[in-house]
Amino acid sequence: MTFSAHIVDDEPLAIRRLSRLLAATGRFDIAGSSTDPEAAAAFLSRKRVDVLFLDIQMPGMNGFELLATLPDQPAVIFTTAYDQYALKAFEVNSTTC
C-alpha cells in the first residue's frame, strides 16, 4: 500500500531530506511539498493527501494555523525540533517526530 504525502517545512533542506527518506521506504508517493505554509494550505484545499508531514514553527503561519484552514484534515505528523508542541499536537489528533 502506498500513501500520498505532502511535506511542509520552511527549510528546503529538511524537505529534501524527508522526501528522500520517505521515498526510500517505497510506501509514500510525495504529492507535493512547500516551504510556504499559505501555498501549502491552498494546495491542500484542492488536493487530498493521506499524510501531511508538517513543521510547526514557520514564518507567516504556523502548522496549527495551517491545519485550521483545511476543510478535510489528513493524518498529520509534525516534524519539529520543539518538544513543547507535543501535547498540542495530540490535541489536534496528530503526532510528532
PDB file of N, CA and C in Angstrom:
ATOM      1  N   MET A   1       0.845  -1.178   0.000  1.00  0.00           N
ATOM      2  CA  MET A   1       0.000   0.000   0.000  1.00  0.00           C
ATOM      3  C   MET A   1       0.889   1.240   0.000  1.00  0.00           C
ATOM      4  N   THR A   2       0.525   2.200  -0.822  1.00  0.00           N
ATOM      5  CA  THR A   2       1.260   3.454  -0.923  1.00  0.00           C
ATOM      6  C   THR A   2       0.370   4.595  -0.431  1.00  0.00           C
ATOM      7  N   PHE A   3       0.967   5.510   0.323  1.00  0.00           N
ATOM      8  CA  PHE A   3       0.252   6.656   0.860  1.00  0.00           C
ATOM      9  C   PHE A   3       0.709   7.928   0.155  1.00  0.00           C
ATOM     10  N   SER A   4      -0.246   8.783  -0.182  1.00  0.00           N
ATOM     11  CA  SER A   4       0.136  10.076  -0.753  1.00  0.00           C
ATOM     12  C   SER A   4       0.484  11.012   0.400  1.00  0.00           C
ATOM     13  N   ALA A   5       1.556  11.776   0.217  1.00  0.00           N
ATOM     14  CA  ALA A   5       2.045  12.642   1.288  1.00  0.00           C
ATOM     15  C   ALA A   5       2.379  14.024   0.759  1.00  0.00           C
ATOM     16  N   HIS A   6       2.262  14.992   1.644  1.00  0.00           N
ATOM     17  CA  HIS A   6       2.672  16.360   1.361  1.00  0.00           C
ATOM     18  C   HIS A   6       3.551  16.795   2.521  1.00  0.00           C
ATOM     19  N   ILE A   7       4.625  17.523   2.215  1.00  0.00           N
ATOM     20  CA  ILE A   7       5.578  17.960   3.238  1.00  0.00           C
ATOM     21  C   ILE A   7       5.603  19.481   3.270  1.00  0.00           C
ATOM     22  N   VAL A   8       5.471  20.044   4.483  1.00  0.00           N
ATOM     23  CA  VAL A   8       5.514  21.499   4.649  1.00  0.00           C
ATOM     24  C   VAL A   8       6.568  21.813   5.707  1.00  0.00           C
ATOM     25  N   ASP A   9       7.569  22.552   5.306  1.00  0.00           N
ATOM     26  CA  ASP A   9       8.640  22.972   6.217  1.00  0.00           C
ATOM     27  C   ASP A   9       9.281  24.214   5.617  1.00  0.00           C
ATOM     28  N   ASP A  10       9.609  25.180   6.445  1.00  0.00           N
ATOM     29  CA  ASP A  10      10.213  26.406   5.915  1.00  0.00           C
ATOM     30  C   ASP A  10      11.687  26.234   5.576  1.00  0.00           C
ATOM     31  N   GLU A  11      12.236  25.054   5.826  1.00  0.00           N
ATOM     32  CA  GLU A  11      13.634  24.771   5.490  1.00  0.00           C
ATOM     33  C   GLU A  11      13.697  23.791   4.319  1.00  0.00           C
ATOM     34  N   PRO A  12      14.133  24.249   3.143  1.00  0.00           N
ATOM     35  CA  PRO A  12      14.198  23.374   1.963  1.00  0.00           C
ATOM     36  C   PRO A  12      15.033  22.111   2.192  1.00  0.00           C
ATOM     37  N   LEU A  13      16.108  22.225   2.943  1.00  0.00           N
ATOM     38  CA  LEU A  13      16.944  21.055   3.214  1.00  0.00           C
ATOM     39  C   LEU A  13      16.166  19.984   3.975  1.00  0.00           C
ATOM     40  N   ALA A  14      15.325  20.394   4.908  1.00  0.00           N
ATOM     41  CA  ALA A  14      14.501  19.445   5.661  1.00  0.00           C
ATOM     42  C   ALA A  14      13.520  18.739   4.736  1.00  0.00           C
ATOM     43  N   ILE A  15      12.943  19.472   3.793  1.00  0.00           N
ATOM     44  CA  ILE A  15      12.015  18.862   2.836  1.00  0.00           C
ATOM     45  C   ILE A  15      12.744  17.835   1.975  1.00  0.00           C
ATOM     46  N   ARG A  16      13.907  18.204   1.458  1.00  0.00           N
ATOM     47  CA  ARG A  16      14.661  17.269   0.606  1.00  0.00           C
ATOM     48  C   ARG A  16      15.032  16.004   1.362  1.00  0.00           C
ATOM     49  N   ARG A  17      15.485  16.169   2.598  1.00  0.00           N
ATOM     50  CA  ARG A  17      15.902  15.003   3.390  1.00  0.00           C
ATOM     51  C   ARG A  17      14.708  14.099   3.686  1.00  0.00           C
ATOM     52  N   LEU A  18      13.603  14.670   4.140  1.00  0.00           N
ATOM     53  CA  LEU A  18      12.428  13.861   4.452  1.00  0.00           C
ATOM     54  C   LEU A  18      11.862  13.212   3.193  1.00  0.00           C
ATOM     55  N   SER A  19      11.852  13.926   2.093  1.00  0.00           N
ATOM     56  CA  SER A  19      11.383  13.344   0.822  1.00  0.00           C
ATOM     57  C   SER A  19      12.212  12.122   0.450  1.00  0.00           C
ATOM     58  N   ARG A  20      13.516  12.258   0.588  1.00  0.00           N
ATOM     59  CA  ARG A  20      14.422  11.152   0.270  1.00  0.00           C
ATOM     60  C   ARG A  20      14.170   9.950   1.192  1.00  0.00           C
ATOM     61  N   LEU A  21      14.007  10.206   2.493  1.00  0.00           N
ATOM     62  CA  LEU A  21      13.760   9.127   3.449  1.00  0.00           C
ATOM     63  C   LEU A  21      12.424   8.427   3.181  1.00  0.00           C
ATOM     64  N   LEU A  22      11.392   9.213   2.897  1.00  0.00           N
ATOM     65  CA  LEU A  22      10.086   8.622   2.626  1.00  0.00           C
ATOM     66  C   LEU A  22      10.085   7.827   1.327  1.00  0.00           C
ATOM     67  N   ALA A  23      10.722   8.355   0.298  1.00  0.00           N
ATOM     68  CA  ALA A  23      10.789   7.650  -0.983  1.00  0.00           C
ATOM     69  C   ALA A  23      11.516   6.314  -0.832  1.00  0.00           C
ATOM     70  N   ALA A  24      12.530   6.289   0.012  1.00  0.00           N
ATOM     71  CA  ALA A  24      13.317   5.064   0.212  1.00  0.00           C
ATOM     72  C   ALA A  24      12.486   3.940   0.829  1.00  0.00           C
ATOM     73  N   THR A  25      11.414   4.282   1.527  1.00  0.00           N
ATOM     74  CA  THR A  25      10.571   3.244   2.127  1.00  0.00           C
ATOM     75  C   THR A  25       9.716   2.532   1.087  1.00  0.00           C
ATOM     76  N   GLY A  26       9.467   3.207  -0.054  1.00  0.00           N
ATOM     77  CA  GLY A  26       8.594   2.641  -1.072  1.00  0.00           C
ATOM     78  C   GLY A  26       7.122   2.687  -0.686  1.00  0.00           C
ATOM     79  N   ARG A  27       6.787   3.347   0.411  1.00  0.00           N
ATOM     80  CA  ARG A  27       5.410   3.373   0.900  1.00  0.00           C
ATOM     81  C   ARG A  27       4.730   4.723   0.730  1.00  0.00           C
ATOM     82  N   PHE A  28       5.489   5.723   0.249  1.00  0.00           N
ATOM     83  CA  PHE A  28       4.928   7.063   0.115  1.00  0.00           C
ATOM     84  C   PHE A  28       5.128   7.596  -1.293  1.00  0.00           C
ATOM     85  N   ASP A  29       4.082   8.218  -1.791  1.00  0.00           N
ATOM     86  CA  ASP A  29       4.139   8.976  -3.032  1.00  0.00           C
ATOM     87  C   ASP A  29       4.073  10.436  -2.613  1.00  0.00           C
ATOM     88  N   ILE A  30       5.144  11.203  -2.861  1.00  0.00           N
ATOM     89  CA  ILE A  30       5.177  12.596  -2.463  1.00  0.00           C
ATOM     90  C   ILE A  30       4.350  13.405  -3.466  1.00  0.00           C
ATOM     91  N   ALA A  31       3.157  13.809  -3.034  1.00  0.00           N
ATOM     92  CA  ALA A  31       2.236  14.543  -3.904  1.00  0.00           C
ATOM     93  C   ALA A  31       2.648  15.999  -4.046  1.00  0.00           C
ATOM     94  N   GLY A  32       3.435  16.484  -3.097  1.00  0.00           N
ATOM     95  CA  GLY A  32       3.882  17.862  -3.154  1.00  0.00           C
ATOM     96  C   GLY A  32       4.621  18.240  -1.889  1.00  0.00           C
ATOM     97  N   SER A  33       5.238  19.418  -1.956  1.00  0.00           N
ATOM     98  CA  SER A  33       5.927  19.960  -0.789  1.00  0.00           C
ATOM     99  C   SER A  33       5.946  21.476  -0.931  1.00  0.00           C
ATOM    100  N   SER A  34       6.151  22.138   0.213  1.00  0.00           N
ATOM    101  CA  SER A  34       6.172  23.590   0.175  1.00  0.00           C
ATOM    102  C   SER A  34       6.954  24.142   1.357  1.00  0.00           C
ATOM    103  N   THR A  35       7.653  25.248   1.095  1.00  0.00           N
ATOM    104  CA  THR A  35       8.306  25.986   2.175  1.00  0.00           C
ATOM    105  C   THR A  35       7.417  27.124   2.654  1.00  0.00           C
ATOM    106  N   ASP A  36       6.304  27.346   1.975  1.00  0.00           N
ATOM    107  CA  ASP A  36       5.373  28.430   2.287  1.00  0.00           C
ATOM    108  C   ASP A  36       4.062  27.831   2.793  1.00  0.00           C
ATOM    109  N   PRO A  37       3.728  28.038   4.075  1.00  0.00           N
ATOM    110  CA  PRO A  37       2.504  27.430   4.608  1.00  0.00           C
ATOM    111  C   PRO A  37       1.227  27.896   3.914  1.00  0.00           C
ATOM    112  N   GLU A  38       1.187  29.126   3.449  1.00  0.00           N
ATOM    113  CA  GLU A  38      -0.013  29.599   2.748  1.00  0.00           C
ATOM    114  C   GLU A  38      -0.176  28.891   1.409  1.00  0.00           C
ATOM    115  N   ALA A  39       0.916  28.671   0.700  1.00  0.00           N
ATOM    116  CA  ALA A  39       0.858  27.921  -0.558  1.00  0.00           C
ATOM    117  C   ALA A  39       0.445  26.475  -0.296  1.00  0.00           C
ATOM    118  N   ALA A  40       0.945  25.913   0.795  1.00  0.00           N
ATOM    119  CA  ALA A  40       0.575  24.544   1.154  1.00  0.00           C
ATOM    120  C   ALA A  40      -0.915  24.454   1.466  1.00  0.00           C
ATOM    121  N   ALA A  41      -1.444  25.427   2.200  1.00  0.00           N
ATOM    122  CA  ALA A  41      -2.874  25.438   2.521  1.00  0.00           C
ATOM    123  C   ALA A  41      -3.713  25.491   1.244  1.00  0.00           C
ATOM    124  N   ALA A  42      -3.295  26.307   0.284  1.00  0.00           N
ATOM    125  CA  ALA A  42      -4.014  26.394  -0.989  1.00  0.00           C
ATOM    126  C   ALA A  42      -3.970  25.051  -1.722  1.00  0.00           C
ATOM    127  N   PHE A  43      -2.801  24.427  -1.776  1.00  0.00           N
ATOM    128  CA  PHE A  43      -2.653  23.128  -2.434  1.00  0.00           C
ATOM    129  C   PHE A  43      -3.544  22.090  -1.759  1.00  0.00           C
ATOM    130  N   LEU A  44      -3.476  22.039  -0.415  1.00  0.00           N
ATOM    131  CA  LEU A  44      -4.209  21.017   0.330  1.00  0.00           C
ATOM    132  C   LEU A  44      -5.715  21.241   0.334  1.00  0.00           C
ATOM    133  N   SER A  45      -6.160  22.439   0.040  1.00  0.00           N
ATOM    134  CA  SER A  45      -7.598  22.670  -0.077  1.00  0.00           C
ATOM    135  C   SER A  45      -8.120  22.159  -1.418  1.00  0.00           C
ATOM    136  N   ARG A  46      -7.200  21.961  -2.392  1.00  0.00           N
ATOM    137  CA  ARG A  46      -7.583  21.449  -3.715  1.00  0.00           C
ATOM    138  C   ARG A  46      -7.308  19.955  -3.865  1.00  0.00           C
ATOM    139  N   LYS A  47      -6.291  19.458  -3.194  1.00  0.00           N
ATOM    140  CA  LYS A  47      -5.876  18.062  -3.372  1.00  0.00           C
ATOM    141  C   LYS A  47      -5.824  17.358  -2.026  1.00  0.00           C
ATOM    142  N   ARG A  48      -6.474  16.245  -1.936  1.00  0.00           N
ATOM    143  CA  ARG A  48      -6.488  15.445  -0.705  1.00  0.00           C
ATOM    144  C   ARG A  48      -5.256  14.544  -0.688  1.00  0.00           C
ATOM    145  N   VAL A  49      -4.574  14.486   0.451  1.00  0.00           N
ATOM    146  CA  VAL A  49      -3.456  13.565   0.642  1.00  0.00           C
ATOM    147  C   VAL A  49      -3.760  12.701   1.864  1.00  0.00           C
ATOM    148  N   ASP A  50      -3.065  11.573   1.964  1.00  0.00           N
ATOM    149  CA  ASP A  50      -3.268  10.677   3.097  1.00  0.00           C
ATOM    150  C   ASP A  50      -2.542  11.175   4.346  1.00  0.00           C
ATOM    151  N   VAL A  51      -1.316  11.696   4.135  1.00  0.00           N
ATOM    152  CA  VAL A  51      -0.465  12.085   5.263  1.00  0.00           C
ATOM    153  C   VAL A  51       0.155  13.449   4.996  1.00  0.00           C
ATOM    154  N   LEU A  52       0.147  14.286   6.026  1.00  0.00           N
ATOM    155  CA  LEU A  52       0.778  15.603   5.954  1.00  0.00           C
ATOM    156  C   LEU A  52       1.919  15.636   6.959  1.00  0.00           C
ATOM    157  N   PHE A  53       3.139  15.808   6.468  1.00  0.00           N
ATOM    158  CA  PHE A  53       4.309  15.993   7.322  1.00  0.00           C
ATOM    159  C   PHE A  53       4.480  17.494   7.467  1.00  0.00           C
ATOM    160  N   LEU A  54       4.357  17.994   8.696  1.00  0.00           N
ATOM    161  CA  LEU A  54       4.172  19.419   8.905  1.00  0.00           C
ATOM    162  C   LEU A  54       5.075  19.979   9.992  1.00  0.00           C
ATOM    163  N   ASP A  55       5.850  20.989   9.627  1.00  0.00           N
ATOM    164  CA  ASP A  55       6.622  21.745  10.613  1.00  0.00           C
ATOM    165  C   ASP A  55       5.636  22.616  11.388  1.00  0.00           C
ATOM    166  N   ILE A  56       5.989  22.995  12.594  1.00  0.00           N
ATOM    167  CA  ILE A  56       5.090  23.837  13.384  1.00  0.00           C
ATOM    168  C   ILE A  56       5.506  25.296  13.328  1.00  0.00           C
ATOM    169  N   GLN A  57       6.734  25.561  13.630  1.00  0.00           N
ATOM    170  CA  GLN A  57       7.176  26.950  13.731  1.00  0.00           C
ATOM    171  C   GLN A  57       7.715  27.417  12.380  1.00  0.00           C
ATOM    172  N   MET A  58       6.876  28.214  11.687  1.00  0.00           N
ATOM    173  CA  MET A  58       7.229  28.741  10.375  1.00  0.00           C
ATOM    174  C   MET A  58       6.816  30.208  10.321  1.00  0.00           C
ATOM    175  N   PRO A  59       7.478  30.997   9.482  1.00  0.00           N
ATOM    176  CA  PRO A  59       7.080  32.408   9.367  1.00  0.00           C
ATOM    177  C   PRO A  59       5.736  32.555   8.659  1.00  0.00           C
ATOM    178  N   GLY A  60       4.966  33.520   9.095  1.00  0.00           N
ATOM    179  CA  GLY A  60       3.697  33.817   8.446  1.00  0.00           C
ATOM    180  C   GLY A  60       2.519  33.047   9.010  1.00  0.00           C
ATOM    181  N   MET A  61       2.636  31.743   9.055  1.00  0.00           N
ATOM    182  CA  MET A  61       1.554  30.886   9.531  1.00  0.00           C
ATOM    183  C   MET A  61       2.194  29.653  10.148  1.00  0.00           C
ATOM    184  N   ASN A  62       1.815  29.317  11.380  1.00  0.00           N
ATOM    185  CA  ASN A  62       2.399  28.110  11.967  1.00  0.00           C
ATOM    186  C   ASN A  62       1.591  26.881  11.542  1.00  0.00           C
ATOM    187  N   GLY A  63       2.102  25.720  11.882  1.00  0.00           N
ATOM    188  CA  GLY A  63       1.460  24.478  11.469  1.00  0.00           C
ATOM    189  C   GLY A  63       0.039  24.323  11.979  1.00  0.00           C
ATOM    190  N   PHE A  64      -0.218  24.740  13.217  1.00  0.00           N
ATOM    191  CA  PHE A  64      -1.569  24.641  13.765  1.00  0.00           C
ATOM    192  C   PHE A  64      -2.538  25.553  13.013  1.00  0.00           C
ATOM    193  N   GLU A  65      -2.075  26.742  12.663  1.00  0.00           N
ATOM    194  CA  GLU A  65      -2.913  27.672  11.889  1.00  0.00           C
ATOM    195  C   GLU A  65      -3.200  27.100  10.506  1.00  0.00           C
ATOM    196  N   LEU A  66      -2.206  26.472   9.901  1.00  0.00           N
ATOM    197  CA  LEU A  66      -2.419  25.845   8.593  1.00  0.00           C
ATOM    198  C   LEU A  66      -3.493  24.773   8.707  1.00  0.00           C
ATOM    199  N   LEU A  67      -3.403  23.930   9.716  1.00  0.00           N
ATOM    200  CA  LEU A  67      -4.409  22.875   9.889  1.00  0.00           C
ATOM    201  C   LEU A  67      -5.811  23.442  10.032  1.00  0.00           C
ATOM    202  N   ALA A  68      -5.929  24.561  10.711  1.00  0.00           N
ATOM    203  CA  ALA A  68      -7.242  25.173  10.923  1.00  0.00           C
ATOM    204  C   ALA A  68      -7.889  25.642   9.616  1.00  0.00           C
ATOM    205  N   THR A  69      -7.096  25.834   8.565  1.00  0.00           N
ATOM    206  CA  THR A  69      -7.647  26.288   7.283  1.00  0.00           C
ATOM    207  C   THR A  69      -8.153  25.138   6.422  1.00  0.00           C
ATOM    208  N   LEU A  70      -7.800  23.901   6.768  1.00  0.00           N
ATOM    209  CA  LEU A  70      -8.122  22.768   5.901  1.00  0.00           C
ATOM    210  C   LEU A  70      -9.533  22.253   6.135  1.00  0.00           C
ATOM    211  N   PRO A  71     -10.305  22.106   5.053  1.00  0.00           N
ATOM    212  CA  PRO A  71     -11.663  21.577   5.205  1.00  0.00           C
ATOM    213  C   PRO A  71     -11.658  20.098   5.608  1.00  0.00           C
ATOM    214  N   ASP A  72     -10.715  19.345   5.077  1.00  0.00           N
ATOM    215  CA  ASP A  72     -10.554  17.920   5.403  1.00  0.00           C
ATOM    216  C   ASP A  72      -9.123  17.705   5.861  1.00  0.00           C
ATOM    217  N   GLN A  73      -8.950  17.320   7.114  1.00  0.00           N
ATOM    218  CA  GLN A  73      -7.605  17.159   7.652  1.00  0.00           C
ATOM    219  C   GLN A  73      -7.093  15.744   7.419  1.00  0.00           C
ATOM    220  N   PRO A  74      -5.948  15.606   6.752  1.00  0.00           N
ATOM    221  CA  PRO A  74      -5.353  14.277   6.605  1.00  0.00           C
ATOM    222  C   PRO A  74      -4.688  13.862   7.921  1.00  0.00           C
ATOM    223  N   ALA A  75      -4.152  12.666   7.952  1.00  0.00           N
ATOM    224  CA  ALA A  75      -3.317  12.264   9.088  1.00  0.00           C
ATOM    225  C   ALA A  75      -2.124  13.214   9.102  1.00  0.00           C
ATOM    226  N   VAL A  76      -1.732  13.675  10.283  1.00  0.00           N
ATOM    227  CA  VAL A  76      -0.668  14.671  10.393  1.00  0.00           C
ATOM    228  C   VAL A  76       0.455  14.150  11.268  1.00  0.00           C
ATOM    229  N   ILE A  77       1.670  14.315  10.780  1.00  0.00           N
ATOM    230  CA  ILE A  77       2.863  14.051  11.575  1.00  0.00           C
ATOM    231  C   ILE A  77       3.648  15.342  11.629  1.00  0.00           C
ATOM    232  N   PHE A  78       3.745  15.921  12.817  1.00  0.00           N
ATOM    233  CA  PHE A  78       4.513  17.152  12.974  1.00  0.00           C
ATOM    234  C   PHE A  78       6.001  16.809  12.983  1.00  0.00           C
ATOM    235  N   THR A  79       6.755  17.517  12.178  1.00  0.00           N
ATOM    236  CA  THR A  79       8.202  17.330  12.087  1.00  0.00           C
ATOM    237  C   THR A  79       8.846  18.578  12.663  1.00  0.00           C
ATOM    238  N   THR A  80       9.036  18.565  13.953  1.00  0.00           N
ATOM    239  CA  THR A  80       9.519  19.756  14.637  1.00  0.00           C
ATOM    240  C   THR A  80      10.603  19.401  15.639  1.00  0.00           C
ATOM    241  N   ALA A  81      11.484  20.337  15.877  1.00  0.00           N
ATOM    242  CA  ALA A  81      12.524  20.157  16.875  1.00  0.00           C
ATOM    243  C   ALA A  81      12.079  20.677  18.239  1.00  0.00           C
ATOM    244  N   TYR A  82      10.872  21.204  18.325  1.00  0.00           N
ATOM    245  CA  TYR A  82      10.388  21.838  19.545  1.00  0.00           C
ATOM    246  C   TYR A  82       9.444  20.901  20.287  1.00  0.00           C
ATOM    247  N   ASP A  83       9.955  20.232  21.319  1.00  0.00           N
ATOM    248  CA  ASP A  83       9.156  19.242  22.036  1.00  0.00           C
ATOM    249  C   ASP A  83       7.992  19.845  22.803  1.00  0.00           C
ATOM    250  N   GLN A  84       7.986  21.145  23.061  1.00  0.00           N
ATOM    251  CA  GLN A  84       6.874  21.754  23.792  1.00  0.00           C
ATOM    252  C   GLN A  84       5.570  21.702  22.993  1.00  0.00           C
ATOM    253  N   TYR A  85       5.646  21.385  21.713  1.00  0.00           N
ATOM    254  CA  TYR A  85       4.443  21.307  20.890  1.00  0.00           C
ATOM    255  C   TYR A  85       3.791  19.924  20.925  1.00  0.00           C
ATOM    256  N   ALA A  86       4.421  18.956  21.550  1.00  0.00           N
ATOM    257  CA  ALA A  86       3.910  17.587  21.533  1.00  0.00           C
ATOM    258  C   ALA A  86       2.491  17.489  22.091  1.00  0.00           C
ATOM    259  N   LEU A  87       2.215  18.083  23.226  1.00  0.00           N
ATOM    260  CA  LEU A  87       0.874  17.990  23.813  1.00  0.00           C
ATOM    261  C   LEU A  87      -0.174  18.648  22.929  1.00  0.00           C
ATOM    262  N   LYS A  88       0.147  19.780  22.372  1.00  0.00           N
ATOM    263  CA  LYS A  88      -0.813  20.439  21.474  1.00  0.00           C
ATOM    264  C   LYS A  88      -1.054  19.581  20.231  1.00  0.00           C
ATOM    265  N   ALA A  89      -0.015  18.899  19.749  1.00  0.00           N
ATOM    266  CA  ALA A  89      -0.168  18.019  18.593  1.00  0.00           C
ATOM    267  C   ALA A  89      -1.186  16.928  18.882  1.00  0.00           C
ATOM    268  N   PHE A  90      -1.144  16.348  20.062  1.00  0.00           N
ATOM    269  CA  PHE A  90      -2.120  15.311  20.411  1.00  0.00           C
ATOM    270  C   PHE A  90      -3.541  15.875  20.467  1.00  0.00           C
ATOM    271  N   GLU A  91      -3.673  17.134  20.834  1.00  0.00           N
ATOM    272  CA  GLU A  91      -4.995  17.758  20.894  1.00  0.00           C
ATOM    273  C   GLU A  91      -5.633  17.869  19.513  1.00  0.00           C
ATOM    274  N   VAL A  92      -4.837  17.934  18.460  1.00  0.00           N
ATOM    275  CA  VAL A  92      -5.379  18.015  17.106  1.00  0.00           C
ATOM    276  C   VAL A  92      -5.229  16.679  16.373  1.00  0.00           C
ATOM    277  N   ASN A  93      -5.187  15.586  17.149  1.00  0.00           N
ATOM    278  CA  ASN A  93      -5.119  14.232  16.607  1.00  0.00           C
ATOM    279  C   ASN A  93      -3.934  14.016  15.689  1.00  0.00           C
ATOM    280  N   SER A  94      -2.779  14.490  16.112  1.00  0.00           N
ATOM    281  CA  SER A  94      -1.558  14.351  15.337  1.00  0.00           C
ATOM    282  C   SER A  94      -0.489  13.735  16.224  1.00  0.00           C
ATOM    283  N   THR A  95       0.673  13.554  15.661  1.00  0.00           N
ATOM    284  CA  THR A  95       1.812  13.091  16.429  1.00  0.00           C
ATOM    285  C   THR A  95       3.039  13.876  16.013  1.00  0.00           C
ATOM    286  N   THR A  96       4.103  13.760  16.776  1.00  0.00           N
ATOM    287  CA  THR A  96       5.345  14.466  16.436  1.00  0.00           C
ATOM    288  C   THR A  96       6.453  13.463  16.224  1.00  0.00           C
ATOM    289  N   CYS A  97       7.449  13.860  15.440  1.00  0.00           N
ATOM    290  CA  CYS A  97       8.628  13.005  15.272  1.00  0.00           C
ATOM    291  C   CYS A  97       9.854  13.872  15.132  1.00  0.00           C
TER     292      CYS A  97
END
